[in-house]
Amino acid sequence: QVQLVESGGGLVQPGGSLRLSCAASGSAFSIGAMNWYRQAPGKQRELVAAITRGGITNYADSVKGRFTISRDNAKNTVYLQMNTLKPEDTAVYHCYTRSTSTGRDYWGQGTQVTVSS
């Protein structure tokens, strides 16, 4: 079992920054890649950023150059630094991982990010 808990969401003005965190607990030794997804009202969930255990990253085109994903394996935590935020970044952001030992998917409960003036 893996538990994922996100934090760091909130209300920010356009052009502002936020840093999301996702802390993993439980069988955290089995965690491989960790991803951030987001889902806006009325839209499909989309992959925002991903990072392997070794630190290889991948980003959605819409956030390249503005968002940075990183992880601290010692703390079993992944971060999403979001800069130059736009209203279209407004969504619930979820952390995701898949256990490398069982193949089971795990999701966090989500954290709301609202970009508005």
Protein backbone atom coordinates (compact mmCIF):
# COMPACT_ATOMS: atom_id res chain seq x y z
CA GLN A 1 0.00 0.00 0.00
CA VAL A 2 1.14 3.50 -0.89
CA GLN A 3 -0.47 6.69 0.34
CA LEU A 4 0.04 9.96 -1.54
CA VAL A 5 -0.76 13.30 0.07
CA GLU A 6 -0.57 16.53 -1.91
CA SER A 7 -0.22 20.02 -0.49
CA GLY A 8 0.60 23.53 -1.64
CA GLY A 9 -2.40 24.46 -3.75
CA GLY A 10 -4.24 27.73 -3.42
CA LEU A 11 -5.36 30.94 -5.07
CA VAL A 12 -2.75 32.93 -6.98
CA GLN A 13 -2.84 35.83 -9.39
CA PRO A 14 -1.83 35.39 -13.03
CA GLY A 15 1.94 35.49 -13.32
CA GLY A 16 2.37 34.17 -9.81
CA SER A 17 3.98 30.99 -8.52
CA LEU A 18 3.05 27.99 -6.42
CA ARG A 19 4.92 24.91 -5.29
CA LEU A 20 3.05 21.66 -4.92
CA SER A 21 4.33 18.76 -2.86
CA CYS A 22 3.33 15.11 -2.85
CA ALA A 23 4.54 12.97 0.02
CA ALA A 24 4.44 9.19 -0.30
CA SER A 25 4.15 6.85 2.66
CA GLY A 26 3.54 3.18 3.19
CA SER A 27 5.37 0.93 0.74
CA ALA A 28 7.27 3.88 -0.63
CA PHE A 29 10.23 1.64 -1.51
CA SER A 30 8.19 0.32 -4.44
CA ILE A 31 7.65 3.73 -6.01
CA GLY A 32 9.13 4.30 -9.44
CA ALA A 33 8.11 7.19 -11.63
CA MET A 34 5.91 9.87 -10.10
CA ASN A 35 3.59 12.06 -12.12
CA TRP A 36 1.47 15.14 -11.71
CA TYR A 37 -1.89 15.22 -13.47
CA ARG A 38 -4.52 17.93 -13.49
CA GLN A 39 -8.20 18.10 -14.25
CA ALA A 40 -10.15 21.25 -14.88
CA PRO A 41 -13.96 21.38 -14.70
CA GLY A 42 -15.50 19.91 -17.83
CA LYS A 43 -12.14 18.78 -19.18
CA GLN A 44 -10.29 15.50 -19.35
CA ARG A 45 -7.50 14.75 -16.94
CA GLU A 46 -4.12 15.53 -18.47
CA LEU A 47 -0.56 14.63 -17.63
CA VAL A 48 1.35 17.72 -16.56
CA ALA A 49 4.78 16.39 -15.68
CA ALA A 50 6.54 13.13 -14.90
CA ILE A 51 9.82 12.17 -13.28
CA THR A 52 11.55 8.81 -13.06
CA ARG A 53 13.28 7.59 -9.94
CA GLY A 54 16.54 8.51 -11.64
CA GLY A 55 15.39 12.06 -12.33
CA ILE A 56 14.46 11.97 -16.01
CA THR A 57 11.63 14.42 -16.60
CA ASN A 58 8.89 14.97 -19.12
CA TYR A 59 6.41 17.84 -19.47
CA ALA A 60 3.22 18.69 -21.26
CA ASP A 61 3.84 21.26 -23.99
CA SER A 62 1.50 23.68 -22.23
CA VAL A 63 3.75 23.92 -19.16
CA LYS A 64 7.25 23.58 -20.63
CA GLY A 65 9.48 26.39 -19.47
CA ARG A 66 7.09 27.35 -16.66
CA PHE A 67 6.78 24.23 -14.48
CA THR A 68 9.57 22.15 -12.95
CA ILE A 69 9.12 18.70 -11.46
CA SER A 70 11.65 17.35 -8.98
CA ARG A 71 11.86 14.68 -6.34
CA ASP A 72 13.65 13.85 -3.12
CA ASN A 73 13.92 10.07 -2.96
CA ALA A 74 15.15 10.18 0.64
CA LYS A 75 11.93 11.94 1.65
CA ASN A 76 9.73 10.04 -0.84
CA THR A 77 8.42 13.38 -2.01
CA VAL A 78 7.84 14.88 -5.45
CA TYR A 79 7.47 18.58 -6.10
CA LEU A 80 5.96 20.71 -8.83
CA GLN A 81 7.25 24.26 -9.02
CA MET A 82 4.79 26.30 -11.05
CA ASN A 83 5.84 29.73 -12.30
CA THR A 84 4.20 32.29 -14.54
CA LEU A 85 0.83 30.78 -13.80
CA LYS A 86 -2.05 31.40 -16.18
CA PRO A 87 -5.81 31.20 -15.64
CA GLU A 88 -5.86 28.08 -17.83
CA ASP A 89 -3.66 26.34 -15.24
CA THR A 90 -6.63 26.35 -12.88
CA ALA A 91 -7.44 22.74 -12.01
CA VAL A 92 -7.25 20.08 -9.34
CA TYR A 93 -3.74 18.69 -9.37
CA HIS A 94 -3.22 15.04 -8.52
CA CYS A 95 -0.10 13.08 -7.74
CA TYR A 96 0.17 9.59 -9.23
CA THR A 97 2.48 6.63 -9.06
CA ARG A 98 2.49 2.94 -9.85
CA SER A 99 4.00 0.35 -7.57
CA THR A 100 6.97 -1.35 -9.18
CA SER A 101 6.30 -4.50 -7.17
CA THR A 102 2.53 -4.93 -7.63
CA GLY A 103 1.71 -2.76 -10.63
CA ARG A 104 -1.06 -1.11 -8.66
CA ASP A 105 -1.90 2.53 -9.38
CA TYR A 106 -2.04 5.08 -6.59
CA TRP A 107 -3.55 8.56 -6.65
CA GLY A 108 -3.48 11.40 -4.18
CA GLN A 109 -6.67 13.18 -3.15
CA GLY A 110 -5.77 16.27 -5.17
CA THR A 111 -5.05 19.90 -4.40
CA GLN A 112 -6.91 22.83 -5.94
CA VAL A 113 -4.95 25.44 -7.87
CA THR A 114 -6.86 28.55 -8.88
CA VAL A 115 -5.25 31.27 -10.98
CA SER A 116 -7.39 34.37 -10.99
CA SER A 117 -7.16 38.11 -10.50
